[in-house]
Amino acid sequence: METKNKIIAVAKREFFQFGIKSVTMDQIAREAGVSKKTIYQEFTDKKQLVYETFSSELDSNVCKLVQIEDGVDGVIDHLIAFSKFLRERFTDMHPMILNEIKRFYPESWALFEKFKEEYAINSLESLLERGKALGYFRPGINSRLLAMMRLEQVSFMFDPVKFNPLRINLVELQLQIFEHFLYGIFTDKGRTAYEEKMNHQL
């Protein structure tokens, strides 16, 4: 298990830095300090390695999001922590990786869809409902639909045809769209509280 976990850790680092298609099994073996034969003893092929690596990354993201939920007291603090998580997450991610997974690794992409359906959408919907109850978000918003839309925005922005990563900073794009989303649902109370918190972060 230790060898397998080491290979997954190296694969994650290489995939996130260079993208999936450009990383070879030889490269992963060299960086992990094992033979390619050892990799194939642990994984049937590159497709399985991508699947288990992506699964590990999604599990890690769930843990980080749970930490955010448990580590902050209020809705506004949660939003700021989530914004920081997005910025850090996408700074380290190769801009083509989600597009490559969607196009070439459908089984792995299904993991992302499951993550959205079973965790991310429900978590965001719950946050939006709490914000409505506290007067931070407009009472008329449909929390479920907006949570679904927000998660689709994340995927949409990794389309290289619409947002060429050579010309557009994807971290800045994610943060701009995130703030656009927030200001569309804030009440005056919510906007004021958010801006005061953000000013204290500077």
N, C-alpha and C. Protein backbone atom coordinates (compact mmCIF):
# COMPACT_ATOMS: atom_id res chain seq x y z
N MET A 1 0.83 -1.21 0.00
CA MET A 1 0.00 0.00 0.00
C MET A 1 0.86 1.26 0.00
N GLU A 2 2.00 1.20 0.71
CA GLU A 2 2.88 2.37 0.77
C GLU A 2 3.40 2.73 -0.61
N THR A 3 3.78 1.70 -1.40
CA THR A 3 4.26 1.95 -2.75
C THR A 3 3.16 2.53 -3.62
N LYS A 4 1.96 1.99 -3.51
CA LYS A 4 0.83 2.48 -4.30
C LYS A 4 0.53 3.93 -3.97
N ASN A 5 0.51 4.26 -2.70
CA ASN A 5 0.23 5.64 -2.29
C ASN A 5 1.31 6.60 -2.77
N LYS A 6 2.55 6.13 -2.77
CA LYS A 6 3.65 6.96 -3.25
C LYS A 6 3.49 7.25 -4.74
N ILE A 7 3.11 6.23 -5.50
CA ILE A 7 2.90 6.41 -6.94
C ILE A 7 1.76 7.39 -7.19
N ILE A 8 0.68 7.26 -6.43
CA ILE A 8 -0.47 8.17 -6.58
C ILE A 8 -0.05 9.61 -6.26
N ALA A 9 0.74 9.78 -5.20
CA ALA A 9 1.19 11.12 -4.82
C ALA A 9 2.04 11.75 -5.91
N VAL A 10 2.93 10.96 -6.50
CA VAL A 10 3.78 11.47 -7.58
C VAL A 10 2.94 11.75 -8.82
N ALA A 11 2.02 10.84 -9.15
CA ALA A 11 1.15 11.04 -10.32
C ALA A 11 0.33 12.32 -10.16
N LYS A 12 -0.19 12.55 -8.96
CA LYS A 12 -0.98 13.76 -8.71
C LYS A 12 -0.14 15.01 -8.96
N ARG A 13 1.07 15.00 -8.42
CA ARG A 13 1.95 16.15 -8.61
C ARG A 13 2.27 16.39 -10.07
N GLU A 14 2.60 15.33 -10.80
CA GLU A 14 2.96 15.46 -12.21
C GLU A 14 1.77 15.86 -13.06
N PHE A 15 0.62 15.23 -12.83
CA PHE A 15 -0.58 15.56 -13.59
C PHE A 15 -0.98 17.02 -13.39
N PHE A 16 -0.94 17.46 -12.13
CA PHE A 16 -1.37 18.83 -11.84
C PHE A 16 -0.39 19.86 -12.37
N GLN A 17 0.86 19.49 -12.51
CA GLN A 17 1.84 20.43 -13.02
C GLN A 17 1.89 20.47 -14.54
N PHE A 18 1.77 19.29 -15.17
CA PHE A 18 1.99 19.21 -16.61
C PHE A 18 0.74 18.83 -17.41
N GLY A 19 -0.34 18.44 -16.74
CA GLY A 19 -1.49 17.90 -17.46
C GLY A 19 -1.35 16.40 -17.57
N ILE A 20 -2.43 15.73 -17.90
CA ILE A 20 -2.42 14.27 -17.90
C ILE A 20 -1.80 13.68 -19.16
N LYS A 21 -2.18 14.20 -20.31
CA LYS A 21 -1.75 13.59 -21.57
C LYS A 21 -0.24 13.65 -21.77
N SER A 22 0.39 14.71 -21.27
CA SER A 22 1.82 14.88 -21.50
C SER A 22 2.68 14.09 -20.52
N VAL A 23 2.07 13.53 -19.48
CA VAL A 23 2.82 12.77 -18.48
C VAL A 23 2.79 11.28 -18.83
N THR A 24 3.96 10.68 -18.94
CA THR A 24 4.05 9.26 -19.29
C THR A 24 4.24 8.40 -18.05
N MET A 25 3.98 7.13 -18.20
CA MET A 25 4.21 6.19 -17.10
C MET A 25 5.70 6.10 -16.78
N ASP A 26 6.55 6.23 -17.79
CA ASP A 26 8.00 6.25 -17.56
C ASP A 26 8.39 7.43 -16.67
N GLN A 27 7.78 8.58 -16.93
CA GLN A 27 8.06 9.78 -16.14
C GLN A 27 7.64 9.58 -14.68
N ILE A 28 6.46 9.00 -14.48
CA ILE A 28 5.98 8.76 -13.12
C ILE A 28 6.89 7.77 -12.40
N ALA A 29 7.29 6.72 -13.11
CA ALA A 29 8.19 5.72 -12.51
C ALA A 29 9.50 6.36 -12.08
N ARG A 30 10.05 7.19 -12.96
CA ARG A 30 11.32 7.85 -12.65
C ARG A 30 11.19 8.77 -11.44
N GLU A 31 10.12 9.57 -11.41
CA GLU A 31 9.94 10.52 -10.31
C GLU A 31 9.61 9.81 -8.99
N ALA A 32 8.96 8.65 -9.09
CA ALA A 32 8.60 7.90 -7.88
C ALA A 32 9.75 7.02 -7.40
N GLY A 33 10.77 6.86 -8.24
CA GLY A 33 11.90 6.03 -7.86
C GLY A 33 11.57 4.55 -7.89
N VAL A 34 10.67 4.15 -8.79
CA VAL A 34 10.31 2.73 -8.94
C VAL A 34 10.39 2.37 -10.41
N SER A 35 10.32 1.09 -10.69
CA SER A 35 10.32 0.65 -12.09
C SER A 35 8.91 0.78 -12.67
N LYS A 36 8.84 0.84 -13.98
CA LYS A 36 7.52 0.89 -14.62
C LYS A 36 6.77 -0.42 -14.36
N LYS A 37 7.50 -1.51 -14.24
CA LYS A 37 6.88 -2.80 -13.91
C LYS A 37 6.16 -2.73 -12.58
N THR A 38 6.77 -2.03 -11.61
CA THR A 38 6.14 -1.88 -10.30
C THR A 38 4.82 -1.13 -10.41
N ILE A 39 4.80 -0.09 -11.25
CA ILE A 39 3.56 0.66 -11.44
C ILE A 39 2.47 -0.25 -11.99
N TYR A 40 2.83 -1.08 -12.97
CA TYR A 40 1.82 -1.95 -13.58
C TYR A 40 1.43 -3.12 -12.68
N GLN A 41 2.20 -3.34 -11.65
CA GLN A 41 1.77 -4.32 -10.63
C GLN A 41 0.68 -3.73 -9.74
N GLU A 42 0.67 -2.40 -9.61
CA GLU A 42 -0.30 -1.71 -8.76
C GLU A 42 -1.51 -1.20 -9.55
N PHE A 43 -1.29 -0.87 -10.84
CA PHE A 43 -2.34 -0.29 -11.67
C PHE A 43 -2.37 -1.00 -13.02
N THR A 44 -3.55 -1.33 -13.47
CA THR A 44 -3.68 -2.04 -14.74
C THR A 44 -3.11 -1.24 -15.90
N ASP A 45 -3.42 0.05 -15.93
CA ASP A 45 -2.97 0.92 -17.00
C ASP A 45 -3.05 2.37 -16.53
N LYS A 46 -2.74 3.28 -17.41
CA LYS A 46 -2.75 4.70 -17.05
C LYS A 46 -4.15 5.15 -16.69
N LYS A 47 -5.16 4.57 -17.34
CA LYS A 47 -6.54 4.95 -17.05
C LYS A 47 -6.89 4.68 -15.59
N GLN A 48 -6.45 3.53 -15.08
CA GLN A 48 -6.72 3.21 -13.68
C GLN A 48 -5.93 4.13 -12.75
N LEU A 49 -4.70 4.45 -13.13
CA LEU A 49 -3.88 5.36 -12.32
C LEU A 49 -4.54 6.73 -12.25
N VAL A 50 -5.03 7.23 -13.38
CA VAL A 50 -5.72 8.52 -13.40
C VAL A 50 -6.96 8.45 -12.50
N TYR A 51 -7.71 7.35 -12.61
CA TYR A 51 -8.93 7.19 -11.82
C TYR A 51 -8.63 7.24 -10.32
N GLU A 52 -7.65 6.47 -9.89
CA GLU A 52 -7.35 6.41 -8.45
C GLU A 52 -6.70 7.69 -7.95
N THR A 53 -5.93 8.34 -8.82
CA THR A 53 -5.33 9.62 -8.45
C THR A 53 -6.39 10.69 -8.30
N PHE A 54 -7.32 10.74 -9.25
CA PHE A 54 -8.39 11.74 -9.21
C PHE A 54 -9.32 11.48 -8.04
N SER A 55 -9.58 10.19 -7.76
CA SER A 55 -10.41 9.82 -6.62
C SER A 55 -9.76 10.30 -5.32
N SER A 56 -8.45 10.10 -5.20
CA SER A 56 -7.72 10.54 -4.02
C SER A 56 -7.79 12.06 -3.87
N GLU A 57 -7.68 12.77 -4.99
CA GLU A 57 -7.73 14.23 -4.94
C GLU A 57 -9.12 14.73 -4.52
N LEU A 58 -10.17 14.11 -5.02
CA LEU A 58 -11.52 14.51 -4.64
C LEU A 58 -11.77 14.23 -3.16
N ASP A 59 -11.27 13.10 -2.67
CA ASP A 59 -11.39 12.80 -1.23
C ASP A 59 -10.68 13.87 -0.40
N SER A 60 -9.52 14.30 -0.88
CA SER A 60 -8.76 15.34 -0.19
C SER A 60 -9.53 16.66 -0.19
N ASN A 61 -10.17 16.97 -1.31
CA ASN A 61 -10.95 18.20 -1.40
C ASN A 61 -12.14 18.18 -0.45
N VAL A 62 -12.79 17.01 -0.35
CA VAL A 62 -13.91 16.89 0.59
C VAL A 62 -13.44 17.16 2.01
N CYS A 63 -12.29 16.59 2.37
CA CYS A 63 -11.74 16.80 3.72
C CYS A 63 -11.46 18.28 3.97
N LYS A 64 -10.91 18.96 2.97
CA LYS A 64 -10.60 20.39 3.13
C LYS A 64 -11.88 21.21 3.26
N LEU A 65 -12.90 20.86 2.49
CA LEU A 65 -14.16 21.60 2.57
C LEU A 65 -14.86 21.35 3.90
N VAL A 66 -14.75 20.12 4.40
CA VAL A 66 -15.32 19.83 5.73
C VAL A 66 -14.58 20.63 6.80
N GLN A 67 -13.26 20.75 6.66
CA GLN A 67 -12.49 21.55 7.60
C GLN A 67 -12.93 23.00 7.58
N ILE A 68 -13.24 23.50 6.37
CA ILE A 68 -13.74 24.87 6.26
C ILE A 68 -15.06 25.01 6.99
N GLU A 69 -15.95 24.05 6.78
CA GLU A 69 -17.26 24.09 7.43
C GLU A 69 -17.13 24.03 8.96
N ASP A 70 -16.22 23.19 9.44
CA ASP A 70 -16.06 23.01 10.89
C ASP A 70 -15.23 24.11 11.53
N GLY A 71 -14.43 24.79 10.71
CA GLY A 71 -13.48 25.73 11.28
C GLY A 71 -13.91 27.18 11.29
N VAL A 72 -15.07 27.49 10.71
CA VAL A 72 -15.55 28.87 10.71
C VAL A 72 -16.93 28.92 11.37
N ASP A 73 -17.23 30.08 11.94
CA ASP A 73 -18.46 30.21 12.71
C ASP A 73 -19.65 30.68 11.86
N GLY A 74 -19.40 31.56 10.90
CA GLY A 74 -20.52 32.17 10.21
C GLY A 74 -20.50 31.97 8.71
N VAL A 75 -21.60 32.34 8.08
CA VAL A 75 -21.77 32.20 6.64
C VAL A 75 -20.73 33.04 5.89
N ILE A 76 -20.52 34.27 6.32
CA ILE A 76 -19.58 35.14 5.62
C ILE A 76 -18.15 34.62 5.74
N ASP A 77 -17.79 34.16 6.94
CA ASP A 77 -16.46 33.56 7.12
C ASP A 77 -16.28 32.34 6.22
N HIS A 78 -17.35 31.56 6.07
CA HIS A 78 -17.33 30.39 5.22
C HIS A 78 -17.06 30.80 3.77
N LEU A 79 -17.73 31.85 3.31
CA LEU A 79 -17.53 32.32 1.94
C LEU A 79 -16.09 32.76 1.69
N ILE A 80 -15.53 33.47 2.66
CA ILE A 80 -14.15 33.95 2.51
C ILE A 80 -13.18 32.77 2.51
N ALA A 81 -13.41 31.79 3.39
CA ALA A 81 -12.54 30.61 3.43
C ALA A 81 -12.67 29.81 2.14
N PHE A 82 -13.88 29.73 1.60
CA PHE A 82 -14.10 29.01 0.35
C PHE A 82 -13.41 29.72 -0.81
N SER A 83 -13.46 31.05 -0.80
CA SER A 83 -12.78 31.83 -1.83
C SER A 83 -11.27 31.57 -1.80
N LYS A 84 -10.71 31.52 -0.59
CA LYS A 84 -9.29 31.23 -0.44
C LYS A 84 -8.96 29.83 -0.93
N PHE A 85 -9.85 28.87 -0.63
CA PHE A 85 -9.65 27.50 -1.09
C PHE A 85 -9.62 27.45 -2.61
N LEU A 86 -10.55 28.15 -3.27
CA LEU A 86 -10.58 28.17 -4.73
C LEU A 86 -9.27 28.74 -5.28
N ARG A 87 -8.83 29.84 -4.70
CA ARG A 87 -7.62 30.50 -5.20
C ARG A 87 -6.42 29.56 -5.09
N GLU A 88 -6.28 28.91 -3.94
CA GLU A 88 -5.15 28.01 -3.74
C GLU A 88 -5.26 26.78 -4.64
N ARG A 89 -6.49 26.26 -4.78
CA ARG A 89 -6.69 25.03 -5.54
C ARG A 89 -6.34 25.23 -7.00
N PHE A 90 -6.82 26.32 -7.59
CA PHE A 90 -6.64 26.52 -9.01
C PHE A 90 -5.28 27.10 -9.36
N THR A 91 -4.59 27.67 -8.38
CA THR A 91 -3.23 28.13 -8.62
C THR A 91 -2.32 26.95 -8.91
N ASP A 92 -2.56 25.82 -8.27
CA ASP A 92 -1.70 24.64 -8.41
C ASP A 92 -2.16 23.68 -9.51
N MET A 93 -3.27 23.99 -10.17
CA MET A 93 -3.85 23.04 -11.12
C MET A 93 -3.53 23.42 -12.56
N HIS A 94 -3.04 22.46 -13.33
CA HIS A 94 -2.81 22.69 -14.75
C HIS A 94 -4.14 23.03 -15.42
N PRO A 95 -4.16 24.07 -16.25
CA PRO A 95 -5.44 24.55 -16.80
C PRO A 95 -6.19 23.56 -17.68
N MET A 96 -5.49 22.54 -18.19
CA MET A 96 -6.14 21.59 -19.10
C MET A 96 -6.65 20.33 -18.41
N ILE A 97 -6.36 20.17 -17.12
CA ILE A 97 -6.57 18.86 -16.50
C ILE A 97 -8.03 18.43 -16.48
N LEU A 98 -8.95 19.31 -16.10
CA LEU A 98 -10.35 18.91 -16.06
C LEU A 98 -10.88 18.64 -17.46
N ASN A 99 -10.44 19.43 -18.43
CA ASN A 99 -10.87 19.21 -19.81
C ASN A 99 -10.37 17.86 -20.32
N GLU A 100 -9.13 17.51 -19.98
CA GLU A 100 -8.57 16.22 -20.40
C GLU A 100 -9.33 15.06 -19.76
N ILE A 101 -9.65 15.19 -18.48
CA ILE A 101 -10.40 14.14 -17.80
C ILE A 101 -11.77 13.97 -18.43
N LYS A 102 -12.43 15.07 -18.70
CA LYS A 102 -13.77 15.01 -19.28
C LYS A 102 -13.75 14.36 -20.66
N ARG A 103 -12.74 14.67 -21.46
CA ARG A 103 -12.67 14.17 -22.84
C ARG A 103 -12.16 12.73 -22.95
N PHE A 104 -11.16 12.40 -22.13
CA PHE A 104 -10.45 11.13 -22.35
C PHE A 104 -10.60 10.10 -21.23
N TYR A 105 -11.14 10.52 -20.08
CA TYR A 105 -11.25 9.59 -18.95
C TYR A 105 -12.66 9.68 -18.34
N PRO A 106 -13.65 9.17 -19.05
CA PRO A 106 -15.05 9.31 -18.61
C PRO A 106 -15.34 8.71 -17.24
N GLU A 107 -14.65 7.60 -16.91
CA GLU A 107 -14.87 7.00 -15.58
C GLU A 107 -14.41 7.94 -14.48
N SER A 108 -13.30 8.62 -14.71
CA SER A 108 -12.80 9.59 -13.74
C SER A 108 -13.70 10.81 -13.68
N TRP A 109 -14.20 11.23 -14.84
CA TRP A 109 -15.11 12.38 -14.86
C TRP A 109 -16.39 12.06 -14.09
N ALA A 110 -16.82 10.82 -14.13
CA ALA A 110 -18.02 10.42 -13.39
C ALA A 110 -17.81 10.62 -11.89
N LEU A 111 -16.56 10.47 -11.42
CA LEU A 111 -16.25 10.73 -10.01
C LEU A 111 -16.50 12.19 -9.67
N PHE A 112 -16.12 13.08 -10.59
CA PHE A 112 -16.32 14.50 -10.36
C PHE A 112 -17.81 14.83 -10.32
N GLU A 113 -18.57 14.22 -11.22
CA GLU A 113 -20.02 14.44 -11.23
C GLU A 113 -20.65 13.93 -9.94
N LYS A 114 -20.17 12.79 -9.46
CA LYS A 114 -20.67 12.23 -8.21
C LYS A 114 -20.32 13.14 -7.03
N PHE A 115 -19.10 13.67 -7.04
CA PHE A 115 -18.66 14.61 -6.00
C PHE A 115 -19.58 15.83 -5.98
N LYS A 116 -19.91 16.33 -7.15
CA LYS A 116 -20.80 17.50 -7.21
C LYS A 116 -22.18 17.16 -6.68
N GLU A 117 -22.73 16.03 -7.14
CA GLU A 117 -24.11 15.66 -6.78
C GLU A 117 -24.24 15.30 -5.31
N GLU A 118 -23.30 14.52 -4.78
CA GLU A 118 -23.45 13.97 -3.44
C GLU A 118 -22.88 14.86 -2.34
N TYR A 119 -21.97 15.76 -2.70
CA TYR A 119 -21.39 16.57 -1.64
C TYR A 119 -21.47 18.07 -1.93
N ALA A 120 -20.85 18.50 -3.03
CA ALA A 120 -20.66 19.93 -3.24
C ALA A 120 -21.97 20.70 -3.36
N ILE A 121 -22.91 20.19 -4.15
CA ILE A 121 -24.18 20.90 -4.34
C ILE A 121 -24.95 20.97 -3.03
N ASN A 122 -25.03 19.84 -2.32
CA ASN A 122 -25.76 19.82 -1.04
C ASN A 122 -25.13 20.76 -0.02
N SER A 123 -23.80 20.79 0.01
CA SER A 123 -23.10 21.65 0.96
C SER A 123 -23.37 23.12 0.66
N LEU A 124 -23.29 23.49 -0.62
CA LEU A 124 -23.52 24.88 -0.99
C LEU A 124 -24.98 25.28 -0.80
N GLU A 125 -25.89 24.37 -1.11
CA GLU A 125 -27.31 24.64 -0.89
C GLU A 125 -27.58 24.92 0.59
N SER A 126 -26.99 24.13 1.47
CA SER A 126 -27.16 24.32 2.91
C SER A 126 -26.62 25.69 3.34
N LEU A 127 -25.46 26.07 2.79
CA LEU A 127 -24.87 27.36 3.12
C LEU A 127 -25.78 28.51 2.67
N LEU A 128 -26.32 28.38 1.46
CA LEU A 128 -27.21 29.42 0.95
C LEU A 128 -28.47 29.55 1.79
N GLU A 129 -29.01 28.43 2.23
CA GLU A 129 -30.20 28.47 3.08
C GLU A 129 -29.90 29.14 4.42
N ARG A 130 -28.74 28.85 4.98
CA ARG A 130 -28.37 29.50 6.24
C ARG A 130 -28.20 31.00 6.06
N GLY A 131 -27.62 31.38 4.92
CA GLY A 131 -27.44 32.79 4.63
C GLY A 131 -28.76 33.52 4.44
N LYS A 132 -29.72 32.85 3.84
CA LYS A 132 -31.05 33.44 3.68
C LYS A 132 -31.70 33.65 5.05
N ALA A 133 -31.59 32.66 5.90
CA ALA A 133 -32.20 32.75 7.23
C ALA A 133 -31.60 33.88 8.05
N LEU A 134 -30.32 34.19 7.82
CA LEU A 134 -29.64 35.25 8.57
C LEU A 134 -29.77 36.62 7.90
N GLY A 135 -30.41 36.65 6.74
CA GLY A 135 -30.62 37.93 6.05
C GLY A 135 -29.46 38.37 5.18
N TYR A 136 -28.48 37.48 4.93
CA TYR A 136 -27.34 37.83 4.09
C TYR A 136 -27.64 37.66 2.60
N PHE A 137 -28.51 36.72 2.27
CA PHE A 137 -28.84 36.44 0.88
C PHE A 137 -30.31 36.77 0.62
N ARG A 138 -30.61 37.14 -0.61
CA ARG A 138 -31.97 37.50 -0.98
C ARG A 138 -32.93 36.34 -0.71
N PRO A 139 -34.06 36.59 -0.06
CA PRO A 139 -34.97 35.51 0.33
C PRO A 139 -35.59 34.79 -0.86
N GLY A 140 -35.65 35.42 -2.02
CA GLY A 140 -36.32 34.81 -3.16
C GLY A 140 -35.47 33.86 -3.98
N ILE A 141 -34.17 33.71 -3.64
CA ILE A 141 -33.31 32.85 -4.47
C ILE A 141 -33.67 31.38 -4.28
N ASN A 142 -33.49 30.60 -5.33
CA ASN A 142 -33.67 29.16 -5.26
C ASN A 142 -32.30 28.54 -4.96
N SER A 143 -32.09 28.17 -3.71
CA SER A 143 -30.77 27.73 -3.26
C SER A 143 -30.27 26.51 -4.02
N ARG A 144 -31.15 25.57 -4.30
CA ARG A 144 -30.75 24.35 -5.02
C ARG A 144 -30.27 24.68 -6.42
N LEU A 145 -31.04 25.47 -7.15
CA LEU A 145 -30.68 25.81 -8.52
C LEU A 145 -29.38 26.63 -8.57
N LEU A 146 -29.22 27.55 -7.65
CA LEU A 146 -28.02 28.37 -7.64
C LEU A 146 -26.79 27.55 -7.25
N ALA A 147 -26.96 26.58 -6.36
CA ALA A 147 -25.84 25.70 -6.01
C ALA A 147 -25.42 24.88 -7.23
N MET A 148 -26.39 24.37 -7.97
CA MET A 148 -26.09 23.61 -9.19
C MET A 148 -25.40 24.49 -10.22
N MET A 149 -25.91 25.70 -10.39
CA MET A 149 -25.32 26.63 -11.36
C MET A 149 -23.88 26.96 -10.99
N ARG A 150 -23.65 27.19 -9.70
CA ARG A 150 -22.30 27.57 -9.27
C ARG A 150 -21.28 26.47 -9.56
N LEU A 151 -21.68 25.22 -9.33
CA LEU A 151 -20.76 24.11 -9.61
C LEU A 151 -20.52 23.94 -11.10
N GLU A 152 -21.54 24.22 -11.91
CA GLU A 152 -21.36 24.15 -13.36
C GLU A 152 -20.42 25.25 -13.84
N GLN A 153 -20.46 26.40 -13.18
CA GLN A 153 -19.54 27.48 -13.54
C GLN A 153 -18.09 27.04 -13.38
N VAL A 154 -17.82 26.31 -12.32
CA VAL A 154 -16.45 25.85 -12.08
C VAL A 154 -15.98 24.97 -13.23
N SER A 155 -16.81 24.03 -13.66
CA SER A 155 -16.44 23.15 -14.77
C SER A 155 -16.33 23.92 -16.08
N PHE A 156 -17.28 24.81 -16.31
CA PHE A 156 -17.36 25.56 -17.56
C PHE A 156 -16.10 26.37 -17.81
N MET A 157 -15.53 26.91 -16.75
CA MET A 157 -14.38 27.79 -16.92
C MET A 157 -13.10 27.05 -17.29
N PHE A 158 -13.14 25.72 -17.28
CA PHE A 158 -11.98 24.95 -17.72
C PHE A 158 -12.08 24.54 -19.19
N ASP A 159 -13.04 25.08 -19.90
CA ASP A 159 -13.17 24.83 -21.34
C ASP A 159 -12.16 25.72 -22.07
N PRO A 160 -11.10 25.13 -22.66
CA PRO A 160 -10.04 25.95 -23.26
C PRO A 160 -10.49 26.68 -24.52
N VAL A 161 -11.59 26.23 -25.12
CA VAL A 161 -12.11 26.93 -26.31
C VAL A 161 -12.71 28.27 -25.90
N LYS A 162 -13.43 28.28 -24.80
CA LYS A 162 -14.08 29.50 -24.33
C LYS A 162 -13.14 30.38 -23.51
N PHE A 163 -12.26 29.75 -22.75
CA PHE A 163 -11.33 30.50 -21.89
C PHE A 163 -9.92 29.94 -22.09
N ASN A 164 -9.22 30.50 -23.05
CA ASN A 164 -7.88 30.04 -23.40
C ASN A 164 -6.91 30.34 -22.25
N PRO A 165 -6.35 29.30 -21.62
CA PRO A 165 -5.46 29.53 -20.47
C PRO A 165 -4.18 30.26 -20.84
N LEU A 166 -3.86 30.34 -22.12
CA LEU A 166 -2.67 31.09 -22.54
C LEU A 166 -2.93 32.59 -22.51
N ARG A 167 -4.21 32.97 -22.54
CA ARG A 167 -4.56 34.39 -22.56
C ARG A 167 -5.30 34.84 -21.30
N ILE A 168 -5.82 33.88 -20.54
CA ILE A 168 -6.64 34.23 -19.38
C ILE A 168 -6.09 33.55 -18.13
N ASN A 169 -5.94 34.31 -17.07
CA ASN A 169 -5.52 33.75 -15.79
C ASN A 169 -6.73 33.07 -15.15
N LEU A 170 -6.67 31.73 -15.04
CA LEU A 170 -7.84 30.99 -14.57
C LEU A 170 -8.15 31.24 -13.09
N VAL A 171 -7.13 31.56 -12.30
CA VAL A 171 -7.40 31.88 -10.89
C VAL A 171 -8.19 33.17 -10.80
N GLU A 172 -7.74 34.18 -11.55
CA GLU A 172 -8.47 35.46 -11.56
C GLU A 172 -9.88 35.27 -12.11
N LEU A 173 -10.02 34.45 -13.14
CA LEU A 173 -11.33 34.18 -13.71
C LEU A 173 -12.26 33.55 -12.68
N GLN A 174 -11.76 32.53 -11.97
CA GLN A 174 -12.57 31.86 -10.95
C GLN A 174 -13.02 32.85 -9.88
N LEU A 175 -12.12 33.71 -9.42
CA LEU A 175 -12.46 34.65 -8.35
C LEU A 175 -13.42 35.72 -8.84
N GLN A 176 -13.26 36.15 -10.08
CA GLN A 176 -14.18 37.14 -10.64
C GLN A 176 -15.60 36.58 -10.74
N ILE A 177 -15.71 35.35 -11.24
CA ILE A 177 -17.02 34.73 -11.37
C ILE A 177 -17.63 34.45 -10.00
N PHE A 178 -16.79 34.07 -9.04
CA PHE A 178 -17.27 33.81 -7.69
C PHE A 178 -17.86 35.09 -7.07
N GLU A 179 -17.15 36.21 -7.23
CA GLU A 179 -17.68 37.47 -6.69
C GLU A 179 -18.94 37.90 -7.43
N HIS A 180 -18.98 37.68 -8.72
CA HIS A 180 -20.18 37.99 -9.50
C HIS A 180 -21.36 37.20 -8.97
N PHE A 181 -21.13 35.93 -8.67
CA PHE A 181 -22.17 35.07 -8.09
C PHE A 181 -22.65 35.63 -6.74
N LEU A 182 -21.69 36.00 -5.89
CA LEU A 182 -22.05 36.49 -4.56
C LEU A 182 -22.85 37.77 -4.62
N TYR A 183 -22.40 38.72 -5.43
CA TYR A 183 -23.09 40.01 -5.47
C TYR A 183 -24.47 39.90 -6.12
N GLY A 184 -24.71 38.79 -6.81
CA GLY A 184 -26.03 38.56 -7.35
C GLY A 184 -27.03 38.05 -6.32
N ILE A 185 -26.53 37.55 -5.19
CA ILE A 185 -27.43 36.98 -4.18
C ILE A 185 -27.42 37.74 -2.86
N PHE A 186 -26.43 38.64 -2.68
CA PHE A 186 -26.34 39.39 -1.42
C PHE A 186 -27.52 40.33 -1.22
N THR A 187 -27.95 40.47 0.02
CA THR A 187 -28.75 41.62 0.45
C THR A 187 -27.76 42.73 0.81
N ASP A 188 -28.27 43.92 1.13
CA ASP A 188 -27.38 44.99 1.58
C ASP A 188 -26.60 44.56 2.82
N LYS A 189 -27.28 43.85 3.72
CA LYS A 189 -26.64 43.36 4.93
C LYS A 189 -25.50 42.40 4.60
N GLY A 190 -25.77 41.49 3.68
CA GLY A 190 -24.75 40.52 3.30
C GLY A 190 -23.57 41.16 2.61
N ARG A 191 -23.84 42.09 1.70
CA ARG A 191 -22.75 42.77 0.99
C ARG A 191 -21.87 43.54 1.95
N THR A 192 -22.48 44.26 2.88
CA THR A 192 -21.72 45.04 3.85
C THR A 192 -20.85 44.13 4.73
N ALA A 193 -21.44 43.05 5.21
CA ALA A 193 -20.70 42.12 6.07
C ALA A 193 -19.53 41.50 5.32
N TYR A 194 -19.76 41.12 4.06
CA TYR A 194 -18.72 40.50 3.24
C TYR A 194 -17.57 41.48 2.99
N GLU A 195 -17.90 42.70 2.62
CA GLU A 195 -16.86 43.68 2.30
C GLU A 195 -16.05 44.06 3.54
N GLU A 196 -16.73 44.15 4.70
CA GLU A 196 -16.00 44.44 5.93
C GLU A 196 -15.03 43.32 6.26
N LYS A 197 -15.48 42.07 6.12
CA LYS A 197 -14.60 40.92 6.39
C LYS A 197 -13.43 40.89 5.42
N MET A 198 -13.70 41.14 4.15
CA MET A 198 -12.65 41.10 3.14
C MET A 198 -11.62 42.20 3.39
N ASN A 199 -12.08 43.38 3.80
CA ASN A 199 -11.16 44.48 4.07
C ASN A 199 -10.22 44.15 5.22
N HIS A 200 -10.72 43.37 6.18
CA HIS A 200 -9.89 42.96 7.31
C HIS A 200 -8.87 41.90 6.92
N GLN A 201 -9.12 41.24 5.77
CA GLN A 201 -8.18 40.22 5.29
C GLN A 201 -6.97 40.84 4.62
N LEU A 202 -7.12 42.10 4.20
CA LEU A 202 -6.05 42.76 3.43
C LEU A 202 -4.90 43.18 4.34
